[in-house]
Amino acid sequence: MLFVAWLVDYADRLVINLVLPSFGEEFGLGRGQQGLVVSAFFLSYALCQIPGGWLADRFGARRVICWALLAWSLFTALTGFAWSFAALLVMRFAFGAAEGVFPPASMKALVERTVPEERMGANGLIMSSNAIAAVVTPLAVAPLIAVFGWRSAFFSTAALGVAVYVAVRLWLPAPLPRAADGSPAEGFPADGSPAAAHGVRGLRGLREILRVGVLWRFALMMFGYNVIVWGLTTWMPSYLTEERGVPLSSAGALMAIPALGAAAATILGGRIADRLGGHHRKVIVPGMTVAGLFLLLMAFSDSLTGFAVFGTLAVFSGSLGYMPLFAVPLRGLAPGHVGVGSAVIVFGGQVAGMVAPPVMGFLADAISFRAAFAFLVLGAAVAVLMALLTPQDADSFRAVAGSLGEASDRSASTSTSTEELS
């Protein structure tokens, strides 16, 4: 169910990139303004990450996931009724706020339903939904836009979101009370009830978490990775159609190639992270270094084939580090702090979504798309630097994270989780 929810979450986000040329022409928008429409989503999406984690820790992951699905489906549909640049900004901002509470709630739901030894492999499978959505969305939506116009893309994905809400409401499994061997699962007391369902209580507890510097270093690592992801996904459709003269349907097929590579790399990276037990530096430093080199080759490639091949290799190399990035925090955080802690990390990625699209749009207008794509190398450099400056295993993380890594069931009551009361 989490895989399907993430699939729709990501598809709803990607639709805007496919319709940028269409509504840009309809409303007379330059590339910089088009980038601002994309950034309006990421601004609210980023701002709602940490509140979303607090809500998940306070009210339960399942409840917050359902709220988010309904709300973002509503604003996706309303985007299809936008009548001006200002209306697009407002709708995308509201849509971002609704989607922003979902990732930390999803992360918490995953932690509650898996044992630590299998967690990153499971998360890798779930997060591969992003890459699969990047494959499916252009192939499905591009013909729809060609026949019915850009607004139809938002109406169709909104309807899909409502259907997934019903599915999650009915079929999301309950949290695991015990590990597979019959012993209490990590973070659960001996009677099997979830501990610390309300791990972060009040603003004081939230402030304490936000002061933990190591989380922000992981957030900067996520920022670097997502500069690449959101820079490419935002501007590749426009580049292929406007600069290379590729029809939108064919551009969708070309975009599916690196997305397939990202899906494979995400799953593989999750398995590597489980096997290494952390030690993300061993994956991220070489992976992002290679990704940076391929991004430069992609940016300066004169042929469409070279652009596609180098772009695919860059995405594959960078995506190998996506799951290892989360391995140490998810193993080191106490269960009651997973929602907010993971939200801090994801927040870094969404700041990248605010920065990369408009910066690349203005670079494309002022200089060229070549300069815009070369900008992505900075993201790889940031990720490498932060990988070198972060703890490499759960014990080292707990040593610097303080109370965030302490077993939260020491002080928590053993009352039934609110997760199943929603």
Protein backbone atom coordinates (compact mmCIF):
# COMPACT_ATOMS: atom_id res chain seq x y z
CA MET A 1 0.00 0.00 0.00
CA LEU A 2 2.83 2.40 0.78
CA PHE A 3 4.34 1.63 -2.62
CA VAL A 4 1.08 2.52 -4.37
CA ALA A 5 0.62 5.69 -2.31
CA TRP A 6 4.15 6.83 -3.18
CA LEU A 7 3.56 5.99 -6.84
CA VAL A 8 0.58 8.35 -6.98
CA ASP A 9 2.36 10.96 -4.85
CA TYR A 10 5.24 11.12 -7.29
CA ALA A 11 3.08 10.93 -10.41
CA ASP A 12 1.04 13.92 -9.22
CA ARG A 13 4.27 15.88 -8.82
CA LEU A 14 5.67 14.92 -12.22
CA VAL A 15 2.61 15.99 -14.20
CA ILE A 16 3.55 19.66 -13.82
CA ASN A 17 6.87 19.08 -15.60
CA LEU A 18 5.11 17.59 -18.62
CA VAL A 19 2.70 20.52 -18.96
CA LEU A 20 5.24 23.34 -18.44
CA PRO A 21 5.51 24.09 -22.18
CA SER A 22 1.70 24.00 -22.58
CA PHE A 23 0.68 26.34 -19.79
CA GLY A 24 3.83 28.42 -20.35
CA GLU A 25 2.53 29.16 -23.83
CA GLU A 26 -1.07 29.66 -22.68
CA PHE A 27 -0.16 32.14 -19.94
CA GLY A 28 2.89 33.67 -21.67
CA LEU A 29 5.44 32.53 -19.06
CA GLY A 30 9.22 32.50 -19.43
CA ARG A 31 11.32 29.59 -18.18
CA GLY A 32 12.16 31.42 -14.97
CA GLN A 33 8.46 31.88 -14.21
CA GLN A 34 7.77 28.25 -15.07
CA GLY A 35 10.48 27.27 -12.61
CA LEU A 36 8.79 29.40 -9.94
CA VAL A 37 5.55 27.45 -10.43
CA VAL A 38 7.47 24.26 -9.70
CA SER A 39 9.21 25.88 -6.72
CA ALA A 40 5.90 27.02 -5.20
CA PHE A 41 5.13 23.35 -4.62
CA PHE A 42 8.51 22.66 -3.04
CA LEU A 43 8.34 25.69 -0.76
CA SER A 44 5.22 24.48 1.04
CA TYR A 45 6.27 20.83 0.66
CA ALA A 46 9.51 21.56 2.49
CA LEU A 47 7.85 23.68 5.18
CA CYS A 48 5.37 20.88 5.96
CA GLN A 49 7.92 18.06 6.29
CA ILE A 50 8.72 18.63 9.95
CA PRO A 51 5.11 19.43 10.98
CA GLY A 52 4.13 16.27 9.09
CA GLY A 53 6.59 14.24 11.13
CA TRP A 54 5.23 15.73 14.34
CA LEU A 55 1.66 14.92 13.25
CA ALA A 56 2.65 11.33 12.44
CA ASP A 57 4.34 10.91 15.82
CA ARG A 58 1.39 12.53 17.57
CA PHE A 59 -1.68 11.14 15.75
CA GLY A 60 -0.39 8.04 13.98
CA ALA A 61 1.09 7.46 10.54
CA ARG A 62 -1.98 5.84 8.96
CA ARG A 63 -4.25 8.72 9.83
CA VAL A 64 -1.86 11.36 8.46
CA ILE A 65 -1.31 9.39 5.25
CA CYS A 66 -5.07 9.31 4.63
CA TRP A 67 -5.46 13.03 5.34
CA ALA A 68 -2.65 13.80 2.92
CA LEU A 69 -4.04 11.65 0.10
CA LEU A 70 -7.43 13.34 0.19
CA ALA A 71 -6.03 16.86 0.46
CA TRP A 72 -3.45 16.59 -2.30
CA SER A 73 -5.97 14.96 -4.66
CA LEU A 74 -8.27 17.94 -4.12
CA PHE A 75 -5.58 20.49 -4.96
CA THR A 76 -4.38 18.44 -7.92
CA ALA A 77 -7.88 18.69 -9.39
CA LEU A 78 -8.06 22.41 -8.62
CA THR A 79 -4.79 22.97 -10.50
CA GLY A 80 -6.65 21.85 -13.60
CA PHE A 81 -8.95 24.87 -13.18
CA ALA A 82 -6.10 27.42 -12.90
CA TRP A 83 -6.74 30.58 -14.94
CA SER A 84 -3.54 32.60 -14.44
CA PHE A 85 0.07 32.52 -13.29
CA ALA A 86 -1.00 33.65 -9.81
CA ALA A 87 -3.65 30.92 -9.61
CA LEU A 88 -1.05 28.30 -10.57
CA LEU A 89 1.26 29.52 -7.81
CA VAL A 90 -1.52 29.33 -5.20
CA MET A 91 -2.71 25.88 -6.27
CA ARG A 92 0.79 24.44 -6.38
CA PHE A 93 1.61 25.92 -2.97
CA ALA A 94 -1.51 24.32 -1.45
CA PHE A 95 -0.79 21.03 -3.23
CA GLY A 96 2.74 21.03 -1.80
CA ALA A 97 1.46 21.60 1.73
CA ALA A 98 -0.89 18.62 1.41
CA GLU A 99 1.81 16.32 0.04
CA GLY A 100 4.40 17.61 2.49
CA VAL A 101 3.02 15.73 5.49
CA PHE A 102 3.09 12.39 3.65
CA PRO A 103 6.81 11.38 3.48
CA PRO A 104 7.52 11.43 7.25
CA ALA A 105 4.23 9.65 7.94
CA SER A 106 5.13 7.03 5.34
CA MET A 107 8.60 6.60 6.84
CA LYS A 108 7.10 6.11 10.29
CA ALA A 109 4.56 3.61 8.93
CA LEU A 110 7.40 1.64 7.35
CA VAL A 111 9.44 1.56 10.57
CA GLU A 112 6.39 0.33 12.50
CA ARG A 113 5.80 -2.48 10.01
CA THR A 114 9.34 -3.82 9.46
CA VAL A 115 12.21 -5.26 11.50
CA PRO A 116 15.53 -3.36 11.33
CA GLU A 117 17.38 -6.04 9.35
CA GLU A 118 14.93 -5.74 6.45
CA ARG A 119 14.06 -2.07 6.73
CA MET A 120 16.23 -0.51 4.04
CA GLY A 121 15.49 -3.28 1.56
CA ALA A 122 11.77 -2.69 2.10
CA ASN A 123 12.28 1.06 1.88
CA GLY A 124 14.23 0.60 -1.33
CA LEU A 125 11.30 -1.27 -2.88
CA ILE A 126 8.87 1.42 -1.74
CA MET A 127 11.06 4.29 -2.94
CA SER A 128 11.56 2.61 -6.31
CA SER A 129 7.97 3.73 -6.87
CA ASN A 130 9.36 7.21 -7.55
CA ALA A 131 11.44 5.96 -10.44
CA ILE A 132 8.62 3.75 -11.71
CA ALA A 133 6.28 6.74 -11.60
CA ALA A 134 8.87 8.64 -13.62
CA VAL A 135 8.64 5.86 -16.23
CA VAL A 136 4.87 5.46 -16.29
CA THR A 137 3.73 9.08 -15.91
CA PRO A 138 5.21 10.49 -19.15
CA LEU A 139 4.05 7.45 -21.13
CA ALA A 140 0.50 7.70 -19.77
CA VAL A 141 0.07 11.46 -19.48
CA ALA A 142 1.76 12.73 -22.65
CA PRO A 143 -0.88 11.17 -24.99
CA LEU A 144 -3.61 12.45 -22.67
CA ILE A 145 -2.26 16.00 -22.94
CA ALA A 146 -1.97 15.69 -26.71
CA VAL A 147 -5.63 14.65 -27.07
CA PHE A 148 -7.46 16.45 -24.25
CA GLY A 149 -5.13 19.29 -23.24
CA TRP A 150 -2.94 19.89 -20.21
CA ARG A 151 -5.79 20.31 -17.71
CA SER A 152 -6.96 16.72 -18.20
CA ALA A 153 -3.69 15.45 -16.74
CA PHE A 154 -4.52 16.94 -13.35
CA PHE A 155 -8.10 15.69 -13.31
CA SER A 156 -7.07 12.10 -14.06
CA THR A 157 -4.31 11.94 -11.44
CA ALA A 158 -6.63 13.49 -8.83
CA ALA A 159 -9.16 10.70 -9.40
CA LEU A 160 -6.39 8.15 -9.00
CA GLY A 161 -5.41 9.71 -5.67
CA VAL A 162 -8.93 9.32 -4.29
CA ALA A 163 -8.93 5.64 -5.29
CA VAL A 164 -5.63 5.09 -3.48
CA TYR A 165 -7.00 6.82 -0.37
CA VAL A 166 -9.75 4.21 -0.23
CA ALA A 167 -7.23 1.39 -0.70
CA VAL A 168 -4.90 2.66 2.05
CA ARG A 169 -7.82 3.20 4.40
CA LEU A 170 -8.99 -0.37 3.93
CA TRP A 171 -5.84 -2.42 3.43
CA LEU A 172 -2.77 -0.81 5.03
CA PRO A 173 -1.48 -3.52 7.42
CA ALA A 174 -1.39 -2.92 11.17
CA PRO A 175 1.96 -2.14 12.84
CA LEU A 176 4.09 -5.14 13.81
CA PRO A 177 3.80 -5.84 17.54
CA ARG A 178 6.66 -8.36 17.47
CA ALA A 179 9.68 -9.27 15.40
CA ALA A 180 9.64 -12.27 13.08
CA ASP A 181 11.27 -14.53 15.69
CA GLY A 182 8.50 -13.87 18.20
CA SER A 183 10.52 -11.50 20.39
CA PRO A 184 9.41 -7.90 20.88
CA ALA A 185 10.19 -5.82 17.84
CA GLU A 186 12.67 -3.00 18.18
CA GLY A 187 11.00 -0.07 19.91
CA PHE A 188 8.15 -2.19 21.33
CA PRO A 189 7.74 -3.15 24.98
CA ALA A 190 7.37 -6.77 26.11
CA ASP A 191 3.57 -6.77 25.93
CA GLY A 192 3.78 -6.10 22.20
CA SER A 193 2.12 -2.67 22.15
CA PRO A 194 3.90 0.09 20.25
CA ALA A 195 6.01 2.30 22.40
CA ALA A 196 6.18 6.04 22.10
CA ALA A 197 3.27 6.45 19.75
CA HIS A 198 3.49 10.08 20.77
CA GLY A 199 7.26 10.31 20.85
CA VAL A 200 7.51 14.06 20.28
CA ARG A 201 5.24 15.89 22.68
CA GLY A 202 4.89 19.64 22.43
CA LEU A 203 7.06 22.33 20.90
CA ARG A 204 9.84 21.81 23.44
CA GLY A 205 10.48 18.25 22.25
CA LEU A 206 10.32 19.41 18.64
CA ARG A 207 12.87 22.16 19.30
CA GLU A 208 15.22 19.64 20.90
CA ILE A 209 15.15 17.49 17.79
CA LEU A 210 15.71 20.44 15.46
CA ARG A 211 18.86 21.38 17.40
CA VAL A 212 20.56 18.06 16.60
CA GLY A 213 23.18 19.08 14.05
CA VAL A 214 23.84 15.61 12.66
CA LEU A 215 20.32 15.45 11.22
CA TRP A 216 20.96 18.63 9.28
CA ARG A 217 24.12 17.15 7.76
CA PHE A 218 22.03 14.25 6.48
CA ALA A 219 19.52 16.85 5.23
CA LEU A 220 22.28 18.58 3.25
CA MET A 221 23.26 15.23 1.75
CA MET A 222 19.63 14.81 0.68
CA PHE A 223 19.72 18.34 -0.72
CA GLY A 224 22.63 17.44 -2.99
CA TYR A 225 20.94 14.30 -4.27
CA ASN A 226 17.67 16.08 -4.99
CA VAL A 227 19.30 18.98 -6.83
CA ILE A 228 20.10 16.36 -9.46
CA VAL A 229 16.71 14.63 -9.31
CA TRP A 230 14.51 17.71 -9.49
CA GLY A 231 16.75 19.57 -11.89
CA LEU A 232 16.53 16.74 -14.40
CA THR A 233 12.86 15.86 -13.95
CA THR A 234 11.78 19.50 -14.19
CA TRP A 235 13.69 20.58 -17.27
CA MET A 236 14.31 17.47 -19.33
CA PRO A 237 10.82 17.53 -20.95
CA SER A 238 11.18 21.20 -21.94
CA TYR A 239 14.74 20.70 -23.16
CA LEU A 240 13.82 17.72 -25.33
CA THR A 241 10.73 19.34 -26.86
CA GLU A 242 11.93 22.95 -27.22
CA GLU A 243 15.66 22.59 -27.87
CA ARG A 244 15.86 19.20 -29.56
CA GLY A 245 12.47 19.25 -31.30
CA VAL A 246 11.41 15.89 -29.87
CA PRO A 247 7.59 15.33 -29.77
CA LEU A 248 6.20 15.15 -26.23
CA SER A 249 5.21 11.49 -26.58
CA SER A 250 8.74 10.57 -27.72
CA ALA A 251 10.23 12.73 -24.97
CA GLY A 252 8.22 10.71 -22.47
CA ALA A 253 9.76 7.51 -23.80
CA LEU A 254 13.26 8.97 -23.57
CA MET A 255 12.64 10.09 -19.99
CA ALA A 256 11.58 6.56 -19.09
CA ILE A 257 15.10 5.23 -19.72
CA PRO A 258 16.91 7.03 -16.86
CA ALA A 259 13.88 6.46 -14.65
CA LEU A 260 14.21 2.70 -15.12
CA GLY A 261 17.86 2.99 -14.20
CA ALA A 262 16.92 4.93 -11.07
CA ALA A 263 14.39 2.26 -10.06
CA ALA A 264 16.97 -0.52 -10.38
CA ALA A 265 19.60 1.52 -8.52
CA THR A 266 17.22 2.40 -5.68
CA ILE A 267 16.33 -1.25 -5.06
CA LEU A 268 19.98 -2.30 -5.32
CA GLY A 269 21.05 0.53 -3.02
CA GLY A 270 18.54 -0.57 -0.38
CA ARG A 271 19.94 -4.10 -0.38
CA ILE A 272 23.49 -2.78 -0.19
CA ALA A 273 22.52 -0.56 2.75
CA ASP A 274 21.06 -3.52 4.65
CA ARG A 275 24.19 -5.56 3.99
CA LEU A 276 26.54 -2.77 5.07
CA GLY A 277 24.48 -1.89 8.16
CA GLY A 278 25.04 1.79 7.38
CA HIS A 279 28.43 3.02 6.12
CA HIS A 280 26.75 5.12 3.43
CA ARG A 281 30.10 6.74 2.59
CA LYS A 282 31.15 3.54 0.81
CA VAL A 283 28.28 3.98 -1.66
CA ILE A 284 27.60 7.71 -1.85
CA VAL A 285 31.15 9.01 -2.31
CA PRO A 286 32.02 6.87 -5.36
CA GLY A 287 28.46 6.92 -6.70
CA MET A 288 28.07 10.69 -6.60
CA THR A 289 31.58 11.28 -7.91
CA VAL A 290 30.79 9.17 -10.96
CA ALA A 291 27.38 10.84 -11.27
CA GLY A 292 29.02 14.28 -11.34
CA LEU A 293 31.35 13.22 -14.16
CA PHE A 294 28.49 11.82 -16.23
CA LEU A 295 26.42 14.98 -15.62
CA LEU A 296 29.22 17.08 -17.11
CA LEU A 297 29.43 14.77 -20.12
CA MET A 298 25.64 14.96 -20.50
CA ALA A 299 25.58 18.77 -20.32
CA PHE A 300 28.21 19.14 -23.04
CA SER A 301 27.01 16.34 -25.30
CA ASP A 302 26.12 17.48 -28.81
CA SER A 303 24.13 14.37 -29.70
CA LEU A 304 20.74 13.33 -28.36
CA THR A 305 22.04 9.78 -27.91
CA GLY A 306 24.96 10.98 -25.81
CA PHE A 307 22.68 13.18 -23.73
CA ALA A 308 20.37 10.23 -22.98
CA VAL A 309 23.16 7.72 -22.28
CA PHE A 310 25.20 9.99 -20.01
CA GLY A 311 22.06 11.18 -18.24
CA THR A 312 20.97 7.60 -17.57
CA LEU A 313 24.40 6.65 -16.19
CA ALA A 314 24.43 9.75 -13.97
CA VAL A 315 20.98 8.98 -12.57
CA PHE A 316 21.86 5.33 -11.95
CA SER A 317 25.11 6.19 -10.16
CA GLY A 318 23.49 8.86 -7.99
CA SER A 319 20.43 6.75 -7.14
CA LEU A 320 22.59 3.99 -5.68
CA GLY A 321 23.08 6.29 -2.69
CA TYR A 322 19.42 7.16 -2.07
CA MET A 323 18.64 4.32 0.35
CA PRO A 324 22.08 4.23 2.03
CA LEU A 325 21.52 7.90 2.88
CA PHE A 326 18.64 6.89 5.20
CA ALA A 327 20.20 3.72 6.62
CA VAL A 328 22.03 5.18 9.62
CA PRO A 329 19.29 7.60 10.78
CA LEU A 330 16.52 4.98 10.54
CA ARG A 331 18.60 2.50 12.50
CA GLY A 332 19.79 5.07 15.02
CA LEU A 333 16.63 7.07 15.73
CA ALA A 334 14.37 5.96 18.58
CA PRO A 335 10.95 4.86 17.22
CA GLY A 336 9.16 7.83 18.77
CA HIS A 337 11.43 10.24 16.89
CA VAL A 338 11.41 8.63 13.45
CA GLY A 339 8.64 10.87 12.09
CA VAL A 340 10.27 14.21 12.85
CA GLY A 341 13.83 12.94 12.41
CA SER A 342 13.19 11.61 8.91
CA ALA A 343 11.23 14.79 8.12
CA VAL A 344 14.33 16.89 8.79
CA ILE A 345 16.28 14.81 6.26
CA VAL A 346 13.54 14.89 3.62
CA PHE A 347 13.23 18.66 4.21
CA GLY A 348 16.72 19.07 2.77
CA GLY A 349 15.64 17.37 -0.43
CA GLN A 350 12.64 19.61 -0.83
CA VAL A 351 14.74 22.74 -0.39
CA ALA A 352 16.62 21.44 -3.42
CA GLY A 353 13.29 21.30 -5.23
CA MET A 354 12.78 24.98 -4.41
CA VAL A 355 16.26 25.96 -5.59
CA ALA A 356 17.09 23.85 -8.64
CA PRO A 357 14.09 24.49 -10.97
CA PRO A 358 14.14 28.32 -10.94
CA VAL A 359 17.95 28.53 -10.92
CA MET A 360 18.13 26.23 -13.93
CA GLY A 361 15.28 28.09 -15.61
CA PHE A 362 17.05 31.43 -15.26
CA LEU A 363 20.36 29.89 -16.40
CA ALA A 364 18.64 28.43 -19.47
CA ASP A 365 17.13 31.84 -20.31
CA ALA A 366 20.27 33.87 -19.57
CA ILE A 367 22.96 31.51 -20.90
CA SER A 368 21.88 28.10 -22.20
CA PHE A 369 20.50 24.73 -21.20
CA ARG A 370 24.10 23.51 -21.22
CA ALA A 371 24.90 25.83 -18.31
CA ALA A 372 21.68 24.82 -16.57
CA PHE A 373 22.51 21.11 -16.67
CA ALA A 374 26.14 21.74 -15.63
CA PHE A 375 24.74 23.36 -12.46
CA LEU A 376 23.64 19.89 -11.32
CA VAL A 377 27.25 18.89 -10.64
CA LEU A 378 27.10 21.09 -7.53
CA GLY A 379 24.48 18.74 -6.10
CA ALA A 380 26.80 15.76 -6.46
CA ALA A 381 29.61 17.71 -4.77
CA VAL A 382 27.43 18.62 -1.77
CA ALA A 383 26.32 15.00 -1.33
CA VAL A 384 29.93 13.75 -1.36
CA LEU A 385 31.05 16.35 1.18
CA MET A 386 28.21 15.56 3.60
CA ALA A 387 28.79 11.81 3.25
CA LEU A 388 32.30 12.43 4.56
CA LEU A 389 31.00 14.49 7.52
CA THR A 390 28.26 12.19 8.88
CA PRO A 391 28.35 9.15 11.24
CA GLN A 392 28.75 5.85 9.43
CA ASP A 393 26.81 3.48 11.73
CA ALA A 394 23.89 3.54 14.17
CA ASP A 395 26.08 3.55 17.30
CA SER A 396 28.07 6.55 16.09
CA PHE A 397 24.82 8.30 15.20
CA ARG A 398 23.37 7.70 18.68
CA ALA A 399 26.57 8.98 20.27
CA VAL A 400 26.14 12.40 18.64
CA ALA A 401 22.31 12.47 18.50
CA GLY A 402 21.82 12.16 22.27
CA SER A 403 18.24 11.56 23.37
CA LEU A 404 17.06 11.06 19.77
CA GLY A 405 18.72 7.67 19.75
CA GLU A 406 17.66 6.52 23.20
CA ALA A 407 15.13 3.72 23.48
CA SER A 408 11.93 5.62 23.74
CA ASP A 409 10.02 2.92 25.58
CA ARG A 410 11.89 3.69 28.80
CA SER A 411 9.61 6.59 29.52
CA ALA A 412 6.65 5.82 27.32
CA SER A 413 3.52 4.20 28.59
CA THR A 414 2.34 0.91 27.12
CA SER A 415 -1.03 2.17 26.02
CA THR A 416 -2.42 1.07 22.67
CA SER A 417 -1.20 3.05 19.70
CA THR A 418 -3.52 5.59 18.17
CA GLU A 419 -2.52 4.14 14.81
CA GLU A 420 -5.48 1.77 14.68
CA LEU A 421 -7.97 4.26 16.13
CA SER A 422 -8.10 6.37 12.99
